[in-house]
């Protein structure tokens, strides 16, 4: 059966969360005006990442544990990606130390979620991401867990139709980075193409306005 996940690339149309108003407990997010929407966009309200159990090289890890007490750049892809993922992970490997230098008071991490658990075991992902940075946190999970997370943060993907056992299929996927706060809420989307200097500048501005 053909498996399709619709690509949802924009957060600009995200509705308000039930029970929230633009000035209610959003940490100043609704009042933030991005200096460059091509680099960073924000939803009207923080988007909580749902509780889901994923798999890391160290075993099961919940999203609550994964994002707890750290600011996260979250990226969705797969290790067999021929070009986009290597490019974006390379960008993240340069971006992380820049952020750590410019915003040393912030505890940063990069989380890479593979939407291709059929080929991407946690052990394989750990070896793959270590090529870019040993600080990256790679995870995958069941299709149910992956979809719970990706659908909430609008990180769409599409798995090419393939026969069982075929390992040569492709996966189309969203290329944006997502900013997750220490409470596990998505606060911003950083759409591609990515420019390290521009991202660092806009995140420095963003954090000064929004970080509690």
C-alpha atoms as a PDB file:
ATOM      1  CA  UNK A   1       0.000   0.000   0.000  1.00  0.00           C
ATOM      2  CA  UNK A   2       1.257   3.432  -0.886  1.00  0.00           C
ATOM      3  CA  UNK A   3       2.223   5.432   2.189  1.00  0.00           C
ATOM      4  CA  UNK A   4       1.830   9.183   1.930  1.00  0.00           C
ATOM      5  CA  UNK A   5       2.345  11.898   4.500  1.00  0.00           C
ATOM      6  CA  UNK A   6       1.233  15.297   3.244  1.00  0.00           C
ATOM      7  CA  UNK A   7       3.882  17.983   3.456  1.00  0.00           C
ATOM      8  CA  UNK A   8       2.675  20.846   5.638  1.00  0.00           C
ATOM      9  CA  UNK A   9       5.328  23.495   5.356  1.00  0.00           C
ATOM     10  CA  UNK A  10       3.849  26.649   6.886  1.00  0.00           C
ATOM     11  CA  UNK A  11       3.060  27.505  10.472  1.00  0.00           C
ATOM     12  CA  UNK A  12       1.468  30.788   9.541  1.00  0.00           C
ATOM     13  CA  UNK A  13      -1.970  29.220   9.332  1.00  0.00           C
ATOM     14  CA  UNK A  14      -1.839  27.329  12.625  1.00  0.00           C
ATOM     15  CA  UNK A  15      -4.978  28.003  14.665  1.00  0.00           C
ATOM     16  CA  UNK A  16      -4.886  29.056  18.282  1.00  0.00           C
ATOM     17  CA  UNK A  17      -4.714  26.181  20.704  1.00  0.00           C
ATOM     18  CA  UNK A  18      -7.998  25.434  22.497  1.00  0.00           C
ATOM     19  CA  UNK A  19      -8.424  27.508  25.617  1.00  0.00           C
ATOM     20  CA  UNK A  20      -5.662  29.966  24.710  1.00  0.00           C
ATOM     21  CA  UNK A  21      -5.723  33.582  23.745  1.00  0.00           C
ATOM     22  CA  UNK A  22      -2.809  35.486  22.154  1.00  0.00           C
ATOM     23  CA  UNK A  23      -1.793  37.053  25.465  1.00  0.00           C
ATOM     24  CA  UNK A  24      -2.304  34.003  27.671  1.00  0.00           C
ATOM     25  CA  UNK A  25       0.796  32.177  28.975  1.00  0.00           C
ATOM     26  CA  UNK A  26       2.699  32.299  25.711  1.00  0.00           C
ATOM     27  CA  UNK A  27       5.945  33.753  27.042  1.00  0.00           C
ATOM     28  CA  UNK A  28       5.623  36.784  24.772  1.00  0.00           C
ATOM     29  CA  UNK A  29       5.427  34.691  21.617  1.00  0.00           C
ATOM     30  CA  UNK A  30       2.277  36.301  20.223  1.00  0.00           C
ATOM     31  CA  UNK A  31       3.850  39.760  20.505  1.00  0.00           C
ATOM     32  CA  UNK A  32       7.094  38.773  18.828  1.00  0.00           C
ATOM     33  CA  UNK A  33       7.651  40.196  15.356  1.00  0.00           C
ATOM     34  CA  UNK A  34      10.303  38.332  13.439  1.00  0.00           C
ATOM     35  CA  UNK A  35      12.847  40.552  11.676  1.00  0.00           C
ATOM     36  CA  UNK A  36      12.931  38.091   8.766  1.00  0.00           C
ATOM     37  CA  UNK A  37      10.059  35.610   8.149  1.00  0.00           C
ATOM     38  CA  UNK A  38      12.214  33.828   5.561  1.00  0.00           C
ATOM     39  CA  UNK A  39      14.543  32.828   8.400  1.00  0.00           C
ATOM     40  CA  UNK A  40      12.159  32.381  11.346  1.00  0.00           C
ATOM     41  CA  UNK A  41       8.385  32.135  11.665  1.00  0.00           C
ATOM     42  CA  UNK A  42       6.288  31.721  14.780  1.00  0.00           C
ATOM     43  CA  UNK A  43       2.849  30.232  15.429  1.00  0.00           C
ATOM     44  CA  UNK A  44       0.331  32.367  17.318  1.00  0.00           C
ATOM     45  CA  UNK A  45       0.812  30.153  20.367  1.00  0.00           C
ATOM     46  CA  UNK A  46       3.426  27.622  21.490  1.00  0.00           C
ATOM     47  CA  UNK A  47       2.674  24.159  20.111  1.00  0.00           C
ATOM     48  CA  UNK A  48       3.173  21.424  22.748  1.00  0.00           C
ATOM     49  CA  UNK A  49       4.890  18.334  21.391  1.00  0.00           C
ATOM     50  CA  UNK A  50       2.712  15.349  22.370  1.00  0.00           C
ATOM     51  CA  UNK A  51       3.972  12.733  24.774  1.00  0.00           C
ATOM     52  CA  UNK A  52       5.330   9.830  22.717  1.00  0.00           C
ATOM     53  CA  UNK A  53       7.898   7.109  23.288  1.00  0.00           C
ATOM     54  CA  UNK A  54      10.781   7.146  20.825  1.00  0.00           C
ATOM     55  CA  UNK A  55      13.899   4.988  20.528  1.00  0.00           C
ATOM     56  CA  UNK A  56      17.484   6.134  21.019  1.00  0.00           C
ATOM     57  CA  UNK A  57      20.745   4.209  21.054  1.00  0.00           C
ATOM     58  CA  UNK A  58      20.386   4.116  24.849  1.00  0.00           C
ATOM     59  CA  UNK A  59      16.860   2.705  24.723  1.00  0.00           C
ATOM     60  CA  UNK A  60      13.365   4.121  24.976  1.00  0.00           C
ATOM     61  CA  UNK A  61      13.074   7.857  25.541  1.00  0.00           C
ATOM     62  CA  UNK A  62       9.891   9.861  25.858  1.00  0.00           C
ATOM     63  CA  UNK A  63       9.486  13.234  24.219  1.00  0.00           C
ATOM     64  CA  UNK A  64       9.033  14.653  27.717  1.00  0.00           C
ATOM     65  CA  UNK A  65      12.525  13.436  28.618  1.00  0.00           C
ATOM     66  CA  UNK A  66      14.004  14.332  25.260  1.00  0.00           C
ATOM     67  CA  UNK A  67      13.157  18.039  25.408  1.00  0.00           C
ATOM     68  CA  UNK A  68      13.221  18.560  29.172  1.00  0.00           C
ATOM     69  CA  UNK A  69      15.297  21.538  30.349  1.00  0.00           C
ATOM     70  CA  UNK A  70      17.042  22.131  27.003  1.00  0.00           C
ATOM     71  CA  UNK A  71      16.468  24.301  23.964  1.00  0.00           C
ATOM     72  CA  UNK A  72      16.285  22.059  20.923  1.00  0.00           C
ATOM     73  CA  UNK A  73      16.743  22.434  17.197  1.00  0.00           C
ATOM     74  CA  UNK A  74      14.587  19.605  15.885  1.00  0.00           C
ATOM     75  CA  UNK A  75      15.051  18.160  12.391  1.00  0.00           C
ATOM     76  CA  UNK A  76      13.155  15.371  10.613  1.00  0.00           C
ATOM     77  CA  UNK A  77      14.741  13.176   7.929  1.00  0.00           C
ATOM     78  CA  UNK A  78      16.388   9.777   7.365  1.00  0.00           C
ATOM     79  CA  UNK A  79      19.933   8.460   7.065  1.00  0.00           C
ATOM     80  CA  UNK A  80      19.590   7.141   3.497  1.00  0.00           C
ATOM     81  CA  UNK A  81      18.698  10.618   2.226  1.00  0.00           C
ATOM     82  CA  UNK A  82      21.025  11.238  -0.735  1.00  0.00           C
ATOM     83  CA  UNK A  83      21.472  14.989  -0.513  1.00  0.00           C
ATOM     84  CA  UNK A  84      19.094  17.091   1.618  1.00  0.00           C
ATOM     85  CA  UNK A  85      19.800  15.516   5.016  1.00  0.00           C
ATOM     86  CA  UNK A  86      23.585  15.608   4.618  1.00  0.00           C
ATOM     87  CA  UNK A  87      23.324  19.287   3.690  1.00  0.00           C
ATOM     88  CA  UNK A  88      21.032  20.179   6.582  1.00  0.00           C
ATOM     89  CA  UNK A  89      22.902  18.118   9.157  1.00  0.00           C
ATOM     90  CA  UNK A  90      26.070  19.821   7.990  1.00  0.00           C
ATOM     91  CA  UNK A  91      24.362  23.163   8.579  1.00  0.00           C
ATOM     92  CA  UNK A  92      23.319  22.070  12.055  1.00  0.00           C
ATOM     93  CA  UNK A  93      26.854  20.915  12.844  1.00  0.00           C
ATOM     94  CA  UNK A  94      28.041  24.457  12.131  1.00  0.00           C
ATOM     95  CA  UNK A  95      25.056  26.140  13.741  1.00  0.00           C
ATOM     96  CA  UNK A  96      25.250  24.389  17.118  1.00  0.00           C
ATOM     97  CA  UNK A  97      28.717  25.661  18.148  1.00  0.00           C
ATOM     98  CA  UNK A  98      27.825  29.150  16.888  1.00  0.00           C
ATOM     99  CA  UNK A  99      24.753  29.218  19.120  1.00  0.00           C
ATOM    100  CA  UNK A 100      26.724  27.850  22.058  1.00  0.00           C
ATOM    101  CA  UNK A 101      29.246  30.656  21.597  1.00  0.00           C
ATOM    102  CA  UNK A 102      26.755  33.498  21.042  1.00  0.00           C
ATOM    103  CA  UNK A 103      24.209  32.328  23.626  1.00  0.00           C
ATOM    104  CA  UNK A 104      26.311  30.507  26.238  1.00  0.00           C
ATOM    105  CA  UNK A 105      23.610  30.835  28.901  1.00  0.00           C
ATOM    106  CA  UNK A 106      21.315  28.588  26.839  1.00  0.00           C
ATOM    107  CA  UNK A 107      21.618  24.796  26.992  1.00  0.00           C
ATOM    108  CA  UNK A 108      21.316  23.729  23.325  1.00  0.00           C
ATOM    109  CA  UNK A 109      20.859  20.378  21.624  1.00  0.00           C
ATOM    110  CA  UNK A 110      20.097  19.074  18.135  1.00  0.00           C
ATOM    111  CA  UNK A 111      17.569  16.226  17.857  1.00  0.00           C
ATOM    112  CA  UNK A 112      17.336  14.298  14.583  1.00  0.00           C
ATOM    113  CA  UNK A 113      14.164  12.220  14.166  1.00  0.00           C
ATOM    114  CA  UNK A 114      14.323   9.549  11.471  1.00  0.00           C
ATOM    115  CA  UNK A 115      10.933   8.849   9.897  1.00  0.00           C
ATOM    116  CA  UNK A 116      12.394   5.669   8.351  1.00  0.00           C
ATOM    117  CA  UNK A 117      12.607   3.114  11.183  1.00  0.00           C
ATOM    118  CA  UNK A 118      12.480   0.303   8.612  1.00  0.00           C
ATOM    119  CA  UNK A 119      16.123   1.040   7.753  1.00  0.00           C
ATOM    120  CA  UNK A 120      17.249   3.370  10.538  1.00  0.00           C
ATOM    121  CA  UNK A 121      17.898   1.457  13.737  1.00  0.00           C
ATOM    122  CA  UNK A 122      18.990   3.548  16.741  1.00  0.00           C
ATOM    123  CA  UNK A 123      22.511   2.092  16.526  1.00  0.00           C
ATOM    124  CA  UNK A 124      22.774   2.944  12.837  1.00  0.00           C
ATOM    125  CA  UNK A 125      21.487   6.471  13.482  1.00  0.00           C
ATOM    126  CA  UNK A 126      24.047   7.015  16.225  1.00  0.00           C
ATOM    127  CA  UNK A 127      26.882   6.142  13.833  1.00  0.00           C
ATOM    128  CA  UNK A 128      25.348   8.241  11.058  1.00  0.00           C
ATOM    129  CA  UNK A 129      24.878  11.434  13.076  1.00  0.00           C
ATOM    130  CA  UNK A 130      28.289  11.085  14.755  1.00  0.00           C
ATOM    131  CA  UNK A 131      29.817  11.815  11.353  1.00  0.00           C
ATOM    132  CA  UNK A 132      28.374  15.341  11.666  1.00  0.00           C
ATOM    133  CA  UNK A 133      28.547  15.854  15.423  1.00  0.00           C
ATOM    134  CA  UNK A 134      28.807  13.600  18.443  1.00  0.00           C
ATOM    135  CA  UNK A 135      26.525  16.084  20.221  1.00  0.00           C
ATOM    136  CA  UNK A 136      23.519  15.285  18.027  1.00  0.00           C
ATOM    137  CA  UNK A 137      20.720  13.223  19.562  1.00  0.00           C
ATOM    138  CA  UNK A 138      19.279  10.787  16.975  1.00  0.00           C
ATOM    139  CA  UNK A 139      15.945   9.055  17.577  1.00  0.00           C
ATOM    140  CA  UNK A 140      13.326   7.085  15.706  1.00  0.00           C
ATOM    141  CA  UNK A 141      10.281   5.089  16.783  1.00  0.00           C
ATOM    142  CA  UNK A 142       7.133   3.309  15.746  1.00  0.00           C
ATOM    143  CA  UNK A 143       5.094   4.792  12.934  1.00  0.00           C
ATOM    144  CA  UNK A 144       2.450   5.779  15.472  1.00  0.00           C
ATOM    145  CA  UNK A 145       4.956   7.633  17.652  1.00  0.00           C
ATOM    146  CA  UNK A 146       6.634   9.304  14.667  1.00  0.00           C
ATOM    147  CA  UNK A 147       3.313  10.481  13.273  1.00  0.00           C
ATOM    148  CA  UNK A 148       2.134  11.780  16.641  1.00  0.00           C
ATOM    149  CA  UNK A 149       5.149  14.095  16.759  1.00  0.00           C
ATOM    150  CA  UNK A 150       5.476  15.062  13.093  1.00  0.00           C
ATOM    151  CA  UNK A 151       1.779  15.767  12.575  1.00  0.00           C
ATOM    152  CA  UNK A 152       1.665  18.075  15.587  1.00  0.00           C
ATOM    153  CA  UNK A 153       4.677  20.141  14.511  1.00  0.00           C
ATOM    154  CA  UNK A 154       3.601  19.997  10.827  1.00  0.00           C
ATOM    155  CA  UNK A 155       6.747  18.189   9.667  1.00  0.00           C
ATOM    156  CA  UNK A 156       5.361  16.274   6.728  1.00  0.00           C
ATOM    157  CA  UNK A 157       6.949  13.355   4.916  1.00  0.00           C
ATOM    158  CA  UNK A 158       6.126  10.865   2.159  1.00  0.00           C
ATOM    159  CA  UNK A 159       7.557   7.369   1.901  1.00  0.00           C
ATOM    160  CA  UNK A 160       7.962   6.094  -1.648  1.00  0.00           C
ATOM    161  CA  UNK A 161       5.904   3.018  -2.505  1.00  0.00           C
ATOM    162  CA  UNK A 162       8.104  -0.075  -2.216  1.00  0.00           C
ATOM    163  CA  UNK A 163       7.979  -3.808  -1.783  1.00  0.00           C
ATOM    164  CA  UNK A 164       8.651  -5.352   1.607  1.00  0.00           C
ATOM    165  CA  UNK A 165      12.384  -5.883   1.965  1.00  0.00           C
ATOM    166  CA  UNK A 166      13.287  -3.264  -0.655  1.00  0.00           C
ATOM    167  CA  UNK A 167      15.926  -0.916   0.777  1.00  0.00           C
ATOM    168  CA  UNK A 168      16.279   1.424  -2.195  1.00  0.00           C
ATOM    169  CA  UNK A 169      13.224   3.632  -1.678  1.00  0.00           C
ATOM    170  CA  UNK A 170      13.258   7.392  -1.108  1.00  0.00           C
ATOM    171  CA  UNK A 171      11.511   9.548   1.469  1.00  0.00           C
ATOM    172  CA  UNK A 172      10.392  13.095   0.721  1.00  0.00           C
ATOM    173  CA  UNK A 173      10.343  15.210   3.856  1.00  0.00           C
ATOM    174  CA  UNK A 174      10.120  18.672   5.306  1.00  0.00           C
ATOM    175  CA  UNK A 175      13.474  20.476   5.517  1.00  0.00           C
ATOM    176  CA  UNK A 176      12.745  23.050   8.222  1.00  0.00           C
ATOM    177  CA  UNK A 177      14.391  23.215  11.618  1.00  0.00           C
ATOM    178  CA  UNK A 178      12.017  23.609  14.554  1.00  0.00           C
ATOM    179  CA  UNK A 179      12.810  25.377  17.808  1.00  0.00           C
ATOM    180  CA  UNK A 180      11.535  23.453  20.846  1.00  0.00           C
ATOM    181  CA  UNK A 181      11.707  25.065  24.276  1.00  0.00           C
ATOM    182  CA  UNK A 182      12.647  23.309  27.570  1.00  0.00           C
ATOM    183  CA  UNK A 183       8.948  22.693  28.259  1.00  0.00           C
ATOM    184  CA  UNK A 184       8.602  20.671  25.053  1.00  0.00           C
ATOM    185  CA  UNK A 185       6.754  23.352  23.063  1.00  0.00           C
ATOM    186  CA  UNK A 186       7.528  24.333  19.494  1.00  0.00           C
ATOM    187  CA  UNK A 187       8.064  28.088  19.437  1.00  0.00           C
ATOM    188  CA  UNK A 188       9.386  28.686  15.933  1.00  0.00           C
ATOM    189  CA  UNK A 189       9.976  27.294  12.472  1.00  0.00           C
ATOM    190  CA  UNK A 190      13.240  27.942  10.631  1.00  0.00           C
ATOM    191  CA  UNK A 191      12.488  27.208   6.958  1.00  0.00           C
ATOM    192  CA  UNK A 192      15.121  26.300   4.384  1.00  0.00           C
ATOM    193  CA  UNK A 193      17.350  27.163   2.713  1.00  0.00           C
ATOM    194  CA  UNK A 194      19.329  27.727   5.875  1.00  0.00           C
ATOM    195  CA  UNK A 195      22.008  30.338   6.410  1.00  0.00           C
ATOM    196  CA  UNK A 196      23.999  29.827   9.603  1.00  0.00           C
ATOM    197  CA  UNK A 197      24.792  33.496  10.208  1.00  0.00           C
ATOM    198  CA  UNK A 198      21.212  34.629   9.592  1.00  0.00           C
ATOM    199  CA  UNK A 199      19.809  31.925  11.877  1.00  0.00           C
ATOM    200  CA  UNK A 200      22.179  32.788  14.728  1.00  0.00           C
ATOM    201  CA  UNK A 201      21.298  36.482  14.412  1.00  0.00           C
ATOM    202  CA  UNK A 202      17.544  35.906  14.398  1.00  0.00           C
ATOM    203  CA  UNK A 203      17.665  33.364  17.246  1.00  0.00           C
ATOM    204  CA  UNK A 204      19.680  35.775  19.353  1.00  0.00           C
ATOM    205  CA  UNK A 205      16.979  38.386  18.768  1.00  0.00           C
ATOM    206  CA  UNK A 206      14.211  35.858  19.365  1.00  0.00           C
ATOM    207  CA  UNK A 207      15.658  34.558  22.622  1.00  0.00           C
ATOM    208  CA  UNK A 208      16.143  38.061  23.983  1.00  0.00           C
ATOM    209  CA  UNK A 209      12.455  38.800  23.394  1.00  0.00           C
ATOM    210  CA  UNK A 210      10.775  35.497  24.215  1.00  0.00           C
ATOM    211  CA  UNK A 211      12.969  33.423  26.545  1.00  0.00           C
ATOM    212  CA  UNK A 212      11.520  33.470  30.037  1.00  0.00           C
END
